[in-house]
Amino acid sequence: MVDADGVLVACAGPADGSRLAEEVGVETQSATPVLGRIAATARLGGISEWHVVGERGLLVVRRVPRMQLYVVLRVAPPGWLGRARFAARVTAGRLSERLSR
């Protein structure tokens, strides 16, 4: 999970993956302003989710409702986009409920 500035707030995964998680957070948030302008131009409203599918994997970013936090998932096989999107949506919803109490 990263904040709106791309700073790593929490990480789940292998213990040696924290540096990779920080890099993913910064890379993810560097695209957010551009995507925000695109969404505004297209009159789509605020960005709630975006994903990038590459040859070696995929990246799913989901905004936590009512907060300036983002759940970021990096998944190896691009065929798992649906599962990754579902996991990001559920996780963001649960975080929103817990953190707003």
PDB file of N, CA and C in Angstrom:
ATOM      1  N   MET A   1       0.856  -1.162   0.000  1.00  0.00           N
ATOM      2  CA  MET A   1       0.000   0.000   0.000  1.00  0.00           C
ATOM      3  C   MET A   1       0.904   1.227   0.000  1.00  0.00           C
ATOM      4  N   VAL A   2       0.536   2.206  -0.822  1.00  0.00           N
ATOM      5  CA  VAL A   2       1.286   3.450  -0.896  1.00  0.00           C
ATOM      6  C   VAL A   2       0.346   4.627  -0.679  1.00  0.00           C
ATOM      7  N   ASP A   3       0.932   5.765  -0.278  1.00  0.00           N
ATOM      8  CA  ASP A   3       0.116   6.961  -0.138  1.00  0.00           C
ATOM      9  C   ASP A   3       0.119   7.729  -1.453  1.00  0.00           C
ATOM     10  N   ALA A   4      -0.507   8.875  -1.478  1.00  0.00           N
ATOM     11  CA  ALA A   4      -0.651   9.654  -2.712  1.00  0.00           C
ATOM     12  C   ALA A   4       0.681  10.163  -3.246  1.00  0.00           C
ATOM     13  N   ASP A   5       1.715  10.202  -2.412  1.00  0.00           N
ATOM     14  CA  ASP A   5       3.036  10.645  -2.853  1.00  0.00           C
ATOM     15  C   ASP A   5       3.931   9.492  -3.285  1.00  0.00           C
ATOM     16  N   GLY A   6       3.409   8.261  -3.235  1.00  0.00           N
ATOM     17  CA  GLY A   6       4.195   7.098  -3.625  1.00  0.00           C
ATOM     18  C   GLY A   6       5.046   6.533  -2.516  1.00  0.00           C
ATOM     19  N   VAL A   7       4.810   6.976  -1.281  1.00  0.00           N
ATOM     20  CA  VAL A   7       5.572   6.481  -0.138  1.00  0.00           C
ATOM     21  C   VAL A   7       4.948   5.176   0.343  1.00  0.00           C
ATOM     22  N   LEU A   8       5.788   4.171   0.519  1.00  0.00           N
ATOM     23  CA  LEU A   8       5.328   2.872   0.980  1.00  0.00           C
ATOM     24  C   LEU A   8       4.796   2.983   2.406  1.00  0.00           C
ATOM     25  N   VAL A   9       3.544   2.581   2.611  1.00  0.00           N
ATOM     26  CA  VAL A   9       2.906   2.634   3.924  1.00  0.00           C
ATOM     27  C   VAL A   9       2.914   1.256   4.565  1.00  0.00           C
ATOM     28  N   ALA A  10       2.636   0.222   3.785  1.00  0.00           N
ATOM     29  CA  ALA A  10       2.610  -1.146   4.277  1.00  0.00           C
ATOM     30  C   ALA A  10       2.961  -2.075   3.135  1.00  0.00           C
ATOM     31  N   CYS A  11       3.556  -3.220   3.490  1.00  0.00           N
ATOM     32  CA  CYS A  11       3.971  -4.186   2.472  1.00  0.00           C
ATOM     33  C   CYS A  11       3.658  -5.585   2.961  1.00  0.00           C
ATOM     34  N   ALA A  12       3.110  -6.403   2.093  1.00  0.00           N
ATOM     35  CA  ALA A  12       2.868  -7.807   2.401  1.00  0.00           C
ATOM     36  C   ALA A  12       3.567  -8.630   1.337  1.00  0.00           C
ATOM     37  N   GLY A  13       4.279  -9.630   1.757  1.00  0.00           N
ATOM     38  CA  GLY A  13       5.014 -10.459   0.811  1.00  0.00           C
ATOM     39  C   GLY A  13       6.315 -10.911   1.426  1.00  0.00           C
ATOM     40  N   PRO A  14       7.252 -11.352   0.596  1.00  0.00           N
ATOM     41  CA  PRO A  14       8.535 -11.820   1.115  1.00  0.00           C
ATOM     42  C   PRO A  14       9.282 -10.716   1.849  1.00  0.00           C
ATOM     43  N   ALA A  15      10.031 -11.090   2.874  1.00  0.00           N
ATOM     44  CA  ALA A  15      10.776 -10.123   3.676  1.00  0.00           C
ATOM     45  C   ALA A  15      11.802  -9.359   2.843  1.00  0.00           C
ATOM     46  N   ASP A  16      12.361  -9.988   1.836  1.00  0.00           N
ATOM     47  CA  ASP A  16      13.367  -9.322   1.018  1.00  0.00           C
ATOM     48  C   ASP A  16      12.750  -8.479  -0.093  1.00  0.00           C
ATOM     49  N   GLY A  17      11.429  -8.377  -0.125  1.00  0.00           N
ATOM     50  CA  GLY A  17      10.754  -7.640  -1.184  1.00  0.00           C
ATOM     51  C   GLY A  17      10.436  -6.196  -0.847  1.00  0.00           C
ATOM     52  N   SER A  18      10.890  -5.673   0.300  1.00  0.00           N
ATOM     53  CA  SER A  18      10.520  -4.311   0.690  1.00  0.00           C
ATOM     54  C   SER A  18      11.109  -3.267  -0.261  1.00  0.00           C
ATOM     55  N   ARG A  19      12.324  -3.483  -0.730  1.00  0.00           N
ATOM     56  CA  ARG A  19      12.918  -2.529  -1.674  1.00  0.00           C
ATOM     57  C   ARG A  19      12.130  -2.534  -2.984  1.00  0.00           C
ATOM     58  N   LEU A  20      11.775  -3.711  -3.453  1.00  0.00           N
ATOM     59  CA  LEU A  20      10.969  -3.830  -4.669  1.00  0.00           C
ATOM     60  C   LEU A  20       9.618  -3.160  -4.466  1.00  0.00           C
ATOM     61  N   ALA A  21       9.030  -3.320  -3.297  1.00  0.00           N
ATOM     62  CA  ALA A  21       7.736  -2.704  -3.007  1.00  0.00           C
ATOM     63  C   ALA A  21       7.829  -1.185  -3.060  1.00  0.00           C
ATOM     64  N   GLU A  22       8.910  -0.611  -2.541  1.00  0.00           N
ATOM     65  CA  GLU A  22       9.096   0.840  -2.597  1.00  0.00           C
ATOM     66  C   GLU A  22       9.226   1.317  -4.041  1.00  0.00           C
ATOM     67  N   GLU A  23       9.971   0.567  -4.846  1.00  0.00           N
ATOM     68  CA  GLU A  23      10.127   0.929  -6.255  1.00  0.00           C
ATOM     69  C   GLU A  23       8.792   0.880  -6.981  1.00  0.00           C
ATOM     70  N   VAL A  24       8.014  -0.151  -6.728  1.00  0.00           N
ATOM     71  CA  VAL A  24       6.702  -0.286  -7.361  1.00  0.00           C
ATOM     72  C   VAL A  24       5.807   0.868  -6.945  1.00  0.00           C
ATOM     73  N   GLY A  25       5.861   1.258  -5.672  1.00  0.00           N
ATOM     74  CA  GLY A  25       5.049   2.372  -5.195  1.00  0.00           C
ATOM     75  C   GLY A  25       5.379   3.667  -5.900  1.00  0.00           C
ATOM     76  N   VAL A  26       6.650   3.958  -6.040  1.00  0.00           N
ATOM     77  CA  VAL A  26       7.064   5.194  -6.709  1.00  0.00           C
ATOM     78  C   VAL A  26       6.681   5.156  -8.185  1.00  0.00           C
ATOM     79  N   GLU A  27       6.928   4.028  -8.846  1.00  0.00           N
ATOM     80  CA  GLU A  27       6.569   3.896 -10.259  1.00  0.00           C
ATOM     81  C   GLU A  27       5.068   4.045 -10.463  1.00  0.00           C
ATOM     82  N   THR A  28       4.307   3.464  -9.565  1.00  0.00           N
ATOM     83  CA  THR A  28       2.857   3.511  -9.660  1.00  0.00           C
ATOM     84  C   THR A  28       2.348   4.933  -9.524  1.00  0.00           C
ATOM     85  N   GLN A  29       2.830   5.640  -8.529  1.00  0.00           N
ATOM     86  CA  GLN A  29       2.329   6.974  -8.272  1.00  0.00           C
ATOM     87  C   GLN A  29       2.836   8.010  -9.270  1.00  0.00           C
ATOM     88  N   SER A  30       3.906   7.714  -9.971  1.00  0.00           N
ATOM     89  CA  SER A  30       4.369   8.667 -10.977  1.00  0.00           C
ATOM     90  C   SER A  30       3.395   8.753 -12.142  1.00  0.00           C
ATOM     91  N   ALA A  31       2.608   7.720 -12.366  1.00  0.00           N
ATOM     92  CA  ALA A  31       1.631   7.723 -13.460  1.00  0.00           C
ATOM     93  C   ALA A  31       0.278   8.292 -13.035  1.00  0.00           C
ATOM     94  N   THR A  32       0.009   8.399 -11.749  1.00  0.00           N
ATOM     95  CA  THR A  32      -1.299   8.823 -11.276  1.00  0.00           C
ATOM     96  C   THR A  32      -1.708  10.222 -11.738  1.00  0.00           C
ATOM     97  N   PRO A  33      -0.837  11.249 -11.678  1.00  0.00           N
ATOM     98  CA  PRO A  33      -1.268  12.577 -12.163  1.00  0.00           C
ATOM     99  C   PRO A  33      -1.659  12.576 -13.642  1.00  0.00           C
ATOM    100  N   VAL A  34      -0.890  11.860 -14.460  1.00  0.00           N
ATOM    101  CA  VAL A  34      -1.200  11.787 -15.886  1.00  0.00           C
ATOM    102  C   VAL A  34      -2.551  11.116 -16.097  1.00  0.00           C
ATOM    103  N   LEU A  35      -2.779  10.017 -15.401  1.00  0.00           N
ATOM    104  CA  LEU A  35      -4.052   9.312 -15.535  1.00  0.00           C
ATOM    105  C   LEU A  35      -5.211  10.160 -15.018  1.00  0.00           C
ATOM    106  N   GLY A  36      -4.959  10.949 -13.986  1.00  0.00           N
ATOM    107  CA  GLY A  36      -5.983  11.846 -13.474  1.00  0.00           C
ATOM    108  C   GLY A  36      -6.400  12.880 -14.505  1.00  0.00           C
ATOM    109  N   ARG A  37      -5.408  13.432 -15.220  1.00  0.00           N
ATOM    110  CA  ARG A  37      -5.725  14.403 -16.276  1.00  0.00           C
ATOM    111  C   ARG A  37      -6.496  13.744 -17.415  1.00  0.00           C
ATOM    112  N   ILE A  38      -6.111  12.529 -17.767  1.00  0.00           N
ATOM    113  CA  ILE A  38      -6.831  11.808 -18.826  1.00  0.00           C
ATOM    114  C   ILE A  38      -8.273  11.554 -18.405  1.00  0.00           C
ATOM    115  N   ALA A  39      -8.471  11.102 -17.164  1.00  0.00           N
ATOM    116  CA  ALA A  39      -9.819  10.835 -16.673  1.00  0.00           C
ATOM    117  C   ALA A  39     -10.653  12.105 -16.638  1.00  0.00           C
ATOM    118  N   ALA A  40     -10.039  13.231 -16.255  1.00  0.00           N
ATOM    119  CA  ALA A  40     -10.769  14.504 -16.220  1.00  0.00           C
ATOM    120  C   ALA A  40     -11.144  14.950 -17.628  1.00  0.00           C
ATOM    121  N   THR A  41     -10.216  14.833 -18.567  1.00  0.00           N
ATOM    122  CA  THR A  41     -10.486  15.221 -19.949  1.00  0.00           C
ATOM    123  C   THR A  41     -11.605  14.379 -20.544  1.00  0.00           C
ATOM    124  N   ALA A  42     -11.607  13.099 -20.226  1.00  0.00           N
ATOM    125  CA  ALA A  42     -12.637  12.197 -20.757  1.00  0.00           C
ATOM    126  C   ALA A  42     -13.920  12.234 -19.924  1.00  0.00           C
ATOM    127  N   ARG A  43     -13.924  13.070 -18.873  1.00  0.00           N
ATOM    128  CA  ARG A  43     -15.079  13.209 -17.978  1.00  0.00           C
ATOM    129  C   ARG A  43     -15.485  11.867 -17.354  1.00  0.00           C
ATOM    130  N   LEU A  44     -14.471  11.140 -16.886  1.00  0.00           N
ATOM    131  CA  LEU A  44     -14.700   9.841 -16.254  1.00  0.00           C
ATOM    132  C   LEU A  44     -14.834   9.949 -14.738  1.00  0.00           C
ATOM    133  N   GLY A  45     -14.504  11.097 -14.180  1.00  0.00           N
ATOM    134  CA  GLY A  45     -14.492  11.235 -12.723  1.00  0.00           C
ATOM    135  C   GLY A  45     -13.126  10.844 -12.193  1.00  0.00           C
ATOM    136  N   GLY A  46     -13.017  10.701 -10.879  1.00  0.00           N
ATOM    137  CA  GLY A  46     -11.747  10.338 -10.263  1.00  0.00           C
ATOM    138  C   GLY A  46     -11.348   8.914 -10.583  1.00  0.00           C
ATOM    139  N   ILE A  47     -10.057   8.672 -10.569  1.00  0.00           N
ATOM    140  CA  ILE A  47      -9.546   7.329 -10.838  1.00  0.00           C
ATOM    141  C   ILE A  47      -9.791   6.453  -9.624  1.00  0.00           C
ATOM    142  N   SER A  48     -10.394   5.294  -9.831  1.00  0.00           N
ATOM    143  CA  SER A  48     -10.565   4.347  -8.739  1.00  0.00           C
ATOM    144  C   SER A  48      -9.656   3.133  -8.922  1.00  0.00           C
ATOM    145  N   GLU A  49      -9.310   2.828 -10.183  1.00  0.00           N
ATOM    146  CA  GLU A  49      -8.443   1.678 -10.442  1.00  0.00           C
ATOM    147  C   GLU A  49      -7.761   1.852 -11.785  1.00  0.00           C
ATOM    148  N   TRP A  50      -6.541   1.373 -11.880  1.00  0.00           N
ATOM    149  CA  TRP A  50      -5.877   1.295 -13.167  1.00  0.00           C
ATOM    150  C   TRP A  50      -4.948   0.108 -13.149  1.00  0.00           C
ATOM    151  N   HIS A  51      -4.659  -0.405 -14.336  1.00  0.00           N
ATOM    152  CA  HIS A  51      -3.753  -1.539 -14.429  1.00  0.00           C
ATOM    153  C   HIS A  51      -2.958  -1.480 -15.721  1.00  0.00           C
ATOM    154  N   VAL A  52      -1.789  -2.073 -15.632  1.00  0.00           N
ATOM    155  CA  VAL A  52      -0.896  -2.152 -16.779  1.00  0.00           C
ATOM    156  C   VAL A  52      -0.561  -3.624 -16.958  1.00  0.00           C
ATOM    157  N   VAL A  53      -0.767  -4.115 -18.171  1.00  0.00           N
ATOM    158  CA  VAL A  53      -0.460  -5.504 -18.475  1.00  0.00           C
ATOM    159  C   VAL A  53       0.757  -5.525 -19.387  1.00  0.00           C
ATOM    160  N   GLY A  54       1.793  -6.206 -18.954  1.00  0.00           N
ATOM    161  CA  GLY A  54       3.016  -6.329 -19.743  1.00  0.00           C
ATOM    162  C   GLY A  54       3.306  -7.782 -20.065  1.00  0.00           C
ATOM    163  N   GLU A  55       4.342  -8.001 -20.798  1.00  0.00           N
ATOM    164  CA  GLU A  55       4.715  -9.355 -21.191  1.00  0.00           C
ATOM    165  C   GLU A  55       5.130 -10.209 -19.999  1.00  0.00           C
ATOM    166  N   ARG A  56       5.731  -9.584 -18.991  1.00  0.00           N
ATOM    167  CA  ARG A  56       6.236 -10.348 -17.849  1.00  0.00           C
ATOM    168  C   ARG A  56       5.364 -10.243 -16.609  1.00  0.00           C
ATOM    169  N   GLY A  57       4.212  -9.612 -16.708  1.00  0.00           N
ATOM    170  CA  GLY A  57       3.345  -9.512 -15.548  1.00  0.00           C
ATOM    171  C   GLY A  57       2.389  -8.358 -15.651  1.00  0.00           C
ATOM    172  N   LEU A  58       1.714  -8.097 -14.538  1.00  0.00           N
ATOM    173  CA  LEU A  58       0.757  -7.004 -14.521  1.00  0.00           C
ATOM    174  C   LEU A  58       0.814  -6.269 -13.199  1.00  0.00           C
ATOM    175  N   LEU A  59       0.365  -5.028 -13.262  1.00  0.00           N
ATOM    176  CA  LEU A  59       0.333  -4.149 -12.103  1.00  0.00           C
ATOM    177  C   LEU A  59      -1.086  -3.622 -11.969  1.00  0.00           C
ATOM    178  N   VAL A  60      -1.679  -3.831 -10.795  1.00  0.00           N
ATOM    179  CA  VAL A  60      -3.036  -3.355 -10.529  1.00  0.00           C
ATOM    180  C   VAL A  60      -2.957  -2.369  -9.368  1.00  0.00           C
ATOM    181  N   VAL A  61      -3.538  -1.192  -9.556  1.00  0.00           N
ATOM    182  CA  VAL A  61      -3.549  -0.152  -8.523  1.00  0.00           C
ATOM    183  C   VAL A  61      -4.996   0.220  -8.252  1.00  0.00           C
ATOM    184  N   ARG A  62      -5.399   0.181  -6.999  1.00  0.00           N
ATOM    185  CA  ARG A  62      -6.776   0.485  -6.605  1.00  0.00           C
ATOM    186  C   ARG A  62      -6.751   1.502  -5.483  1.00  0.00           C
ATOM    187  N   ARG A  63      -7.493   2.605  -5.639  1.00  0.00           N
ATOM    188  CA  ARG A  63      -7.570   3.621  -4.589  1.00  0.00           C
ATOM    189  C   ARG A  63      -8.459   3.122  -3.456  1.00  0.00           C
ATOM    190  N   VAL A  64      -8.021   3.364  -2.230  1.00  0.00           N
ATOM    191  CA  VAL A  64      -8.829   3.034  -1.056  1.00  0.00           C
ATOM    192  C   VAL A  64      -9.877   4.136  -0.932  1.00  0.00           C
ATOM    193  N   PRO A  65     -11.167   3.796  -0.952  1.00  0.00           N
ATOM    194  CA  PRO A  65     -12.223   4.819  -0.904  1.00  0.00           C
ATOM    195  C   PRO A  65     -12.079   5.761   0.290  1.00  0.00           C
ATOM    196  N   ARG A  66     -12.332   7.052   0.039  1.00  0.00           N
ATOM    197  CA  ARG A  66     -12.328   8.112   1.042  1.00  0.00           C
ATOM    198  C   ARG A  66     -10.957   8.362   1.661  1.00  0.00           C
ATOM    199  N   MET A  67      -9.876   7.875   1.017  1.00  0.00           N
ATOM    200  CA  MET A  67      -8.533   8.065   1.559  1.00  0.00           C
ATOM    201  C   MET A  67      -7.550   8.292   0.427  1.00  0.00           C
ATOM    202  N   GLN A  68      -6.424   8.863   0.762  1.00  0.00           N
ATOM    203  CA  GLN A  68      -5.358   9.060  -0.218  1.00  0.00           C
ATOM    204  C   GLN A  68      -4.352   7.914  -0.127  1.00  0.00           C
ATOM    205  N   LEU A  69      -4.869   6.702  -0.181  1.00  0.00           N
ATOM    206  CA  LEU A  69      -4.042   5.494  -0.141  1.00  0.00           C
ATOM    207  C   LEU A  69      -4.378   4.623  -1.344  1.00  0.00           C
ATOM    208  N   TYR A  70      -3.390   3.842  -1.780  1.00  0.00           N
ATOM    209  CA  TYR A  70      -3.575   2.971  -2.931  1.00  0.00           C
ATOM    210  C   TYR A  70      -3.069   1.572  -2.618  1.00  0.00           C
ATOM    211  N   VAL A  71      -3.845   0.569  -2.984  1.00  0.00           N
ATOM    212  CA  VAL A  71      -3.422  -0.821  -2.905  1.00  0.00           C
ATOM    213  C   VAL A  71      -2.750  -1.127  -4.236  1.00  0.00           C
ATOM    214  N   VAL A  72      -1.540  -1.667  -4.183  1.00  0.00           N
ATOM    215  CA  VAL A  72      -0.781  -1.977  -5.391  1.00  0.00           C
ATOM    216  C   VAL A  72      -0.460  -3.468  -5.401  1.00  0.00           C
ATOM    217  N   LEU A  73      -0.833  -4.139  -6.477  1.00  0.00           N
ATOM    218  CA  LEU A  73      -0.523  -5.558  -6.637  1.00  0.00           C
ATOM    219  C   LEU A  73       0.325  -5.743  -7.881  1.00  0.00           C
ATOM    220  N   ARG A  74       1.396  -6.498  -7.753  1.00  0.00           N
ATOM    221  CA  ARG A  74       2.213  -6.876  -8.905  1.00  0.00           C
ATOM    222  C   ARG A  74       2.093  -8.391  -9.030  1.00  0.00           C
ATOM    223  N   VAL A  75       1.587  -8.839 -10.174  1.00  0.00           N
ATOM    224  CA  VAL A  75       1.301 -10.256 -10.390  1.00  0.00           C
ATOM    225  C   VAL A  75       2.082 -10.726 -11.610  1.00  0.00           C
ATOM    226  N   ALA A  76       2.680 -11.917 -11.523  1.00  0.00           N
ATOM    227  CA  ALA A  76       3.519 -12.417 -12.616  1.00  0.00           C
ATOM    228  C   ALA A  76       2.739 -12.774 -13.888  1.00  0.00           C
ATOM    229  N   PRO A  77       1.796 -13.683 -13.850  1.00  0.00           N
ATOM    230  CA  PRO A  77       1.145 -14.067 -15.109  1.00  0.00           C
ATOM    231  C   PRO A  77       0.037 -13.096 -15.511  1.00  0.00           C
ATOM    232  N   PRO A  78       0.094 -12.541 -16.728  1.00  0.00           N
ATOM    233  CA  PRO A  78      -0.938 -11.583 -17.134  1.00  0.00           C
ATOM    234  C   PRO A  78      -2.332 -12.187 -17.246  1.00  0.00           C
ATOM    235  N   GLY A  79      -2.458 -13.495 -17.260  1.00  0.00           N
ATOM    236  CA  GLY A  79      -3.763 -14.131 -17.324  1.00  0.00           C
ATOM    237  C   GLY A  79      -4.577 -13.997 -16.048  1.00  0.00           C
ATOM    238  N   TRP A  80      -3.990 -13.466 -14.995  1.00  0.00           N
ATOM    239  CA  TRP A  80      -4.667 -13.365 -13.706  1.00  0.00           C
ATOM    240  C   TRP A  80      -5.232 -11.977 -13.444  1.00  0.00           C
ATOM    241  N   LEU A  81      -5.471 -11.213 -14.462  1.00  0.00           N
ATOM    242  CA  LEU A  81      -5.953  -9.835 -14.289  1.00  0.00           C
ATOM    243  C   LEU A  81      -7.251  -9.789 -13.504  1.00  0.00           C
ATOM    244  N   GLY A  82      -8.204 -10.630 -13.815  1.00  0.00           N
ATOM    245  CA  GLY A  82      -9.485 -10.633 -13.106  1.00  0.00           C
ATOM    246  C   GLY A  82      -9.325 -10.918 -11.626  1.00  0.00           C
ATOM    247  N   ARG A  83      -8.520 -11.900 -11.298  1.00  0.00           N
ATOM    248  CA  ARG A  83      -8.288 -12.245  -9.882  1.00  0.00           C
ATOM    249  C   ARG A  83      -7.584 -11.108  -9.147  1.00  0.00           C
ATOM    250  N   ALA A  84      -6.602 -10.503  -9.801  1.00  0.00           N
ATOM    251  CA  ALA A  84      -5.876  -9.400  -9.173  1.00  0.00           C
ATOM    252  C   ALA A  84      -6.791  -8.196  -8.947  1.00  0.00           C
ATOM    253  N   ARG A  85      -7.645  -7.884  -9.926  1.00  0.00           N
ATOM    254  CA  ARG A  85      -8.585  -6.776  -9.777  1.00  0.00           C
ATOM    255  C   ARG A  85      -9.549  -7.042  -8.629  1.00  0.00           C
ATOM    256  N   PHE A  86     -10.043  -8.270  -8.532  1.00  0.00           N
ATOM    257  CA  PHE A  86     -10.961  -8.626  -7.449  1.00  0.00           C
ATOM    258  C   PHE A  86     -10.263  -8.492  -6.100  1.00  0.00           C
ATOM    259  N   ALA A  87      -9.047  -9.017  -5.980  1.00  0.00           N
ATOM    260  CA  ALA A  87      -8.305  -8.940  -4.718  1.00  0.00           C
ATOM    261  C   ALA A  87      -8.034  -7.491  -4.324  1.00  0.00           C
ATOM    262  N   ALA A  88      -7.684  -6.654  -5.293  1.00  0.00           N
ATOM    263  CA  ALA A  88      -7.426  -5.242  -4.989  1.00  0.00           C
ATOM    264  C   ALA A  88      -8.697  -4.545  -4.530  1.00  0.00           C
ATOM    265  N   ARG A  89      -9.831  -4.817  -5.196  1.00  0.00           N
ATOM    266  CA  ARG A  89     -11.098  -4.184  -4.820  1.00  0.00           C
ATOM    267  C   ARG A  89     -11.528  -4.591  -3.417  1.00  0.00           C
ATOM    268  N   VAL A  90     -11.436  -5.875  -3.100  1.00  0.00           N
ATOM    269  CA  VAL A  90     -11.828  -6.360  -1.771  1.00  0.00           C
ATOM    270  C   VAL A  90     -10.904  -5.787  -0.697  1.00  0.00           C
ATOM    271  N   THR A  91      -9.616  -5.804  -0.956  1.00  0.00           N
ATOM    272  CA  THR A  91      -8.647  -5.289   0.020  1.00  0.00           C
ATOM    273  C   THR A  91      -8.854  -3.797   0.268  1.00  0.00           C
ATOM    274  N   ALA A  92      -9.049  -3.027  -0.787  1.00  0.00           N
ATOM    275  CA  ALA A  92      -9.275  -1.584  -0.632  1.00  0.00           C
ATOM    276  C   ALA A  92     -10.547  -1.319   0.163  1.00  0.00           C
ATOM    277  N   GLY A  93     -11.602  -2.073  -0.084  1.00  0.00           N
ATOM    278  CA  GLY A  93     -12.846  -1.908   0.661  1.00  0.00           C
ATOM    279  C   GLY A  93     -12.681  -2.223   2.134  1.00  0.00           C
ATOM    280  N   ARG A  94     -11.990  -3.297   2.424  1.00  0.00           N
ATOM    281  CA  ARG A  94     -11.767  -3.671   3.829  1.00  0.00           C
ATOM    282  C   ARG A  94     -10.898  -2.652   4.548  1.00  0.00           C
ATOM    283  N   LEU A  95      -9.867  -2.161   3.874  1.00  0.00           N
ATOM    284  CA  LEU A  95      -9.015  -1.135   4.479  1.00  0.00           C
ATOM    285  C   LEU A  95      -9.800   0.136   4.758  1.00  0.00           C
ATOM    286  N   SER A  96     -10.650   0.515   3.839  1.00  0.00           N
ATOM    287  CA  SER A  96     -11.468   1.711   4.019  1.00  0.00           C
ATOM    288  C   SER A  96     -12.361   1.576   5.238  1.00  0.00           C
ATOM    289  N   GLU A  97     -12.983   0.414   5.406  1.00  0.00           N
ATOM    290  CA  GLU A  97     -13.853   0.179   6.560  1.00  0.00           C
ATOM    291  C   GLU A  97     -13.074   0.232   7.861  1.00  0.00           C
ATOM    292  N   ARG A  98     -11.910  -0.429   7.902  1.00  0.00           N
ATOM    293  CA  ARG A  98     -11.112  -0.476   9.134  1.00  0.00           C
ATOM    294  C   ARG A  98     -10.512   0.875   9.491  1.00  0.00           C
ATOM    295  N   LEU A  99      -9.995   1.594   8.494  1.00  0.00           N
ATOM    296  CA  LEU A  99      -9.306   2.840   8.787  1.00  0.00           C
ATOM    297  C   LEU A  99     -10.247   3.998   9.048  1.00  0.00           C
ATOM    298  N   SER A 100     -11.499   3.886   8.645  1.00  0.00           N
ATOM    299  CA  SER A 100     -12.454   4.990   8.858  1.00  0.00           C
ATOM    300  C   SER A 100     -13.161   4.877  10.200  1.00  0.00           C
ATOM    301  N   ARG A 101     -12.898   3.842  10.948  1.00  0.00           N
ATOM    302  CA  ARG A 101     -13.550   3.680  12.266  1.00  0.00           C
ATOM    303  C   ARG A 101     -12.952   4.590  13.290  1.00  0.00           C
TER     304      ARG A 101
END
